[in-house]
Amino acid sequence: MATSIRLDPAVEQRIDQLAAQTGRTKAYYLREMIERGIEDLEDYYLAANTLERVRKGEEPVYSSAQVRTELGLDG
């Protein structure tokens, strides 16, 4: 799927320089950045969403004692 984005000129210049110095394409580095960064973005935004649900009382919260008991870790 083809996608287009606008980059800050300074960022685009940095990618251009990296590509020129390494002999790889800009597309290669853009794919790398997306693939390496997507997990961090998912973690952040999903955690923020869960936190918001907790604050609204829409998400259950358990104490560490409850979790230990449920998992049978209290001996």
N, C-alpha and C. Protein backbone atom coordinates (compact mmCIF):
# COMPACT_ATOMS: atom_id res chain seq x y z
N MET A 1 0.84 -1.16 0.00
CA MET A 1 0.00 0.00 0.00
C MET A 1 0.89 1.23 0.00
N ALA A 2 0.62 2.10 -0.91
CA ALA A 2 1.38 3.34 -0.98
C ALA A 2 0.76 4.36 -0.04
N THR A 3 1.61 5.03 0.72
CA THR A 3 1.16 6.05 1.66
C THR A 3 2.09 7.23 1.53
N SER A 4 1.53 8.42 1.67
CA SER A 4 2.42 9.58 1.61
C SER A 4 2.28 10.37 2.90
N ILE A 5 3.40 10.94 3.33
CA ILE A 5 3.42 11.76 4.54
C ILE A 5 4.26 13.00 4.27
N ARG A 6 4.01 14.02 5.05
CA ARG A 6 4.84 15.23 4.97
C ARG A 6 5.79 15.20 6.16
N LEU A 7 7.04 15.40 5.87
CA LEU A 7 8.06 15.42 6.91
C LEU A 7 8.57 16.84 7.12
N ASP A 8 8.96 17.12 8.32
CA ASP A 8 9.65 18.37 8.59
C ASP A 8 10.91 18.38 7.72
N PRO A 9 11.21 19.49 7.09
CA PRO A 9 12.39 19.53 6.21
C PRO A 9 13.68 19.07 6.88
N ALA A 10 13.85 19.39 8.16
CA ALA A 10 15.07 18.98 8.86
C ALA A 10 15.12 17.46 9.00
N VAL A 11 13.99 16.84 9.27
CA VAL A 11 13.94 15.38 9.39
C VAL A 11 14.21 14.74 8.04
N GLU A 12 13.59 15.29 7.00
CA GLU A 12 13.81 14.74 5.67
C GLU A 12 15.27 14.86 5.26
N GLN A 13 15.91 15.96 5.61
CA GLN A 13 17.33 16.14 5.29
C GLN A 13 18.17 15.09 6.01
N ARG A 14 17.85 14.81 7.26
CA ARG A 14 18.60 13.79 8.01
C ARG A 14 18.44 12.42 7.37
N ILE A 15 17.23 12.09 6.93
CA ILE A 15 17.01 10.80 6.27
C ILE A 15 17.75 10.76 4.95
N ASP A 16 17.71 11.86 4.20
CA ASP A 16 18.45 11.93 2.93
C ASP A 16 19.94 11.70 3.15
N GLN A 17 20.50 12.33 4.17
CA GLN A 17 21.93 12.18 4.45
C GLN A 17 22.26 10.75 4.86
N LEU A 18 21.42 10.16 5.70
CA LEU A 18 21.65 8.79 6.12
C LEU A 18 21.61 7.84 4.92
N ALA A 19 20.62 8.03 4.08
CA ALA A 19 20.51 7.19 2.89
C ALA A 19 21.72 7.35 1.98
N ALA A 20 22.15 8.59 1.78
CA ALA A 20 23.30 8.84 0.91
C ALA A 20 24.57 8.24 1.48
N GLN A 21 24.76 8.34 2.78
CA GLN A 21 25.98 7.85 3.41
C GLN A 21 26.03 6.33 3.51
N THR A 22 24.88 5.69 3.51
CA THR A 22 24.85 4.23 3.68
C THR A 22 24.51 3.46 2.41
N GLY A 23 24.07 4.17 1.39
CA GLY A 23 23.72 3.50 0.14
C GLY A 23 22.36 2.82 0.19
N ARG A 24 21.59 3.07 1.20
CA ARG A 24 20.23 2.52 1.28
C ARG A 24 19.24 3.60 0.85
N THR A 25 18.00 3.18 0.61
CA THR A 25 17.00 4.14 0.17
C THR A 25 16.32 4.81 1.36
N LYS A 26 15.72 5.97 1.07
CA LYS A 26 14.91 6.64 2.09
C LYS A 26 13.77 5.72 2.52
N ALA A 27 13.18 5.04 1.56
CA ALA A 27 12.05 4.14 1.87
C ALA A 27 12.47 3.06 2.85
N TYR A 28 13.69 2.56 2.70
CA TYR A 28 14.19 1.54 3.63
C TYR A 28 14.17 2.09 5.06
N TYR A 29 14.71 3.30 5.25
CA TYR A 29 14.79 3.87 6.59
C TYR A 29 13.41 4.25 7.14
N LEU A 30 12.54 4.71 6.29
CA LEU A 30 11.19 5.03 6.74
C LEU A 30 10.47 3.76 7.21
N ARG A 31 10.62 2.67 6.45
CA ARG A 31 10.02 1.39 6.87
C ARG A 31 10.61 0.93 8.19
N GLU A 32 11.93 1.04 8.33
CA GLU A 32 12.59 0.65 9.58
C GLU A 32 12.05 1.45 10.76
N MET A 33 11.93 2.76 10.59
CA MET A 33 11.43 3.60 11.67
C MET A 33 10.01 3.22 12.06
N ILE A 34 9.18 2.95 11.08
CA ILE A 34 7.80 2.58 11.37
C ILE A 34 7.75 1.22 12.05
N GLU A 35 8.45 0.26 11.52
CA GLU A 35 8.42 -1.09 12.10
C GLU A 35 8.98 -1.11 13.52
N ARG A 36 10.04 -0.36 13.75
CA ARG A 36 10.65 -0.34 15.09
C ARG A 36 9.85 0.51 16.07
N GLY A 37 9.15 1.50 15.56
CA GLY A 37 8.43 2.41 16.43
C GLY A 37 6.99 2.02 16.72
N ILE A 38 6.40 1.16 15.90
CA ILE A 38 4.99 0.84 16.07
C ILE A 38 4.71 0.17 17.41
N GLU A 39 5.60 -0.69 17.88
CA GLU A 39 5.39 -1.34 19.17
C GLU A 39 5.36 -0.32 20.30
N ASP A 40 6.26 0.63 20.27
CA ASP A 40 6.28 1.66 21.31
C ASP A 40 5.01 2.48 21.29
N LEU A 41 4.55 2.84 20.08
CA LEU A 41 3.32 3.62 19.97
C LEU A 41 2.12 2.82 20.45
N GLU A 42 2.07 1.55 20.07
CA GLU A 42 0.97 0.70 20.54
C GLU A 42 0.97 0.61 22.06
N ASP A 43 2.13 0.34 22.63
CA ASP A 43 2.23 0.23 24.09
C ASP A 43 1.76 1.51 24.76
N TYR A 44 2.22 2.63 24.27
CA TYR A 44 1.89 3.91 24.89
C TYR A 44 0.39 4.21 24.79
N TYR A 45 -0.14 4.15 23.58
CA TYR A 45 -1.53 4.56 23.40
C TYR A 45 -2.51 3.56 24.00
N LEU A 46 -2.20 2.27 23.95
CA LEU A 46 -3.08 1.29 24.59
C LEU A 46 -3.04 1.44 26.10
N ALA A 47 -1.87 1.72 26.67
CA ALA A 47 -1.76 1.94 28.11
C ALA A 47 -2.51 3.21 28.51
N ALA A 48 -2.38 4.27 27.73
CA ALA A 48 -3.08 5.51 28.03
C ALA A 48 -4.59 5.30 27.98
N ASN A 49 -5.04 4.51 27.02
CA ASN A 49 -6.46 4.20 26.90
C ASN A 49 -6.95 3.41 28.10
N THR A 50 -6.17 2.42 28.52
CA THR A 50 -6.54 1.62 29.69
C THR A 50 -6.56 2.49 30.94
N LEU A 51 -5.58 3.35 31.11
CA LEU A 51 -5.54 4.25 32.26
C LEU A 51 -6.79 5.13 32.30
N GLU A 52 -7.20 5.63 31.16
CA GLU A 52 -8.41 6.45 31.11
C GLU A 52 -9.64 5.65 31.54
N ARG A 53 -9.72 4.40 31.09
CA ARG A 53 -10.84 3.54 31.50
C ARG A 53 -10.80 3.26 33.00
N VAL A 54 -9.60 3.07 33.56
CA VAL A 54 -9.46 2.87 35.01
C VAL A 54 -9.96 4.10 35.74
N ARG A 55 -9.55 5.27 35.30
CA ARG A 55 -9.97 6.52 35.95
C ARG A 55 -11.48 6.72 35.91
N LYS A 56 -12.11 6.23 34.83
CA LYS A 56 -13.56 6.35 34.69
C LYS A 56 -14.30 5.24 35.41
N GLY A 57 -13.55 4.29 35.98
CA GLY A 57 -14.18 3.17 36.67
C GLY A 57 -14.71 2.11 35.72
N GLU A 58 -14.25 2.13 34.49
CA GLU A 58 -14.70 1.18 33.47
C GLU A 58 -13.80 -0.04 33.35
N GLU A 59 -12.70 -0.04 34.07
CA GLU A 59 -11.71 -1.13 33.98
C GLU A 59 -11.45 -1.63 35.40
N PRO A 60 -11.55 -2.95 35.62
CA PRO A 60 -11.30 -3.45 36.98
C PRO A 60 -9.83 -3.29 37.38
N VAL A 61 -9.63 -3.08 38.67
CA VAL A 61 -8.29 -2.93 39.22
C VAL A 61 -8.16 -3.94 40.35
N TYR A 62 -7.01 -4.61 40.40
CA TYR A 62 -6.78 -5.64 41.40
C TYR A 62 -5.52 -5.31 42.20
N SER A 63 -5.58 -5.60 43.48
CA SER A 63 -4.39 -5.41 44.31
C SER A 63 -3.42 -6.55 44.05
N SER A 64 -2.17 -6.34 44.45
CA SER A 64 -1.18 -7.42 44.28
C SER A 64 -1.57 -8.63 45.12
N ALA A 65 -2.17 -8.40 46.28
CA ALA A 65 -2.62 -9.52 47.13
C ALA A 65 -3.70 -10.33 46.41
N GLN A 66 -4.63 -9.65 45.76
CA GLN A 66 -5.68 -10.35 45.02
C GLN A 66 -5.09 -11.18 43.89
N VAL A 67 -4.12 -10.62 43.19
CA VAL A 67 -3.50 -11.33 42.07
C VAL A 67 -2.74 -12.55 42.58
N ARG A 68 -1.97 -12.39 43.66
CA ARG A 68 -1.23 -13.52 44.22
C ARG A 68 -2.18 -14.63 44.65
N THR A 69 -3.28 -14.27 45.29
CA THR A 69 -4.25 -15.27 45.73
C THR A 69 -4.87 -15.97 44.52
N GLU A 70 -5.28 -15.21 43.54
CA GLU A 70 -5.91 -15.78 42.35
C GLU A 70 -4.97 -16.73 41.61
N LEU A 71 -3.69 -16.40 41.60
CA LEU A 71 -2.69 -17.24 40.92
C LEU A 71 -2.16 -18.36 41.81
N GLY A 72 -2.60 -18.40 43.05
CA GLY A 72 -2.16 -19.44 43.96
C GLY A 72 -0.71 -19.26 44.41
N LEU A 73 -0.24 -18.03 44.48
CA LEU A 73 1.15 -17.77 44.84
C LEU A 73 1.34 -17.57 46.33
N ASP A 74 0.25 -17.37 47.04
CA ASP A 74 0.33 -17.26 48.49
C ASP A 74 0.31 -18.66 49.07
N GLY A 75 1.35 -19.04 49.72
CA GLY A 75 1.44 -20.42 50.18
C GLY A 75 1.26 -20.53 51.61
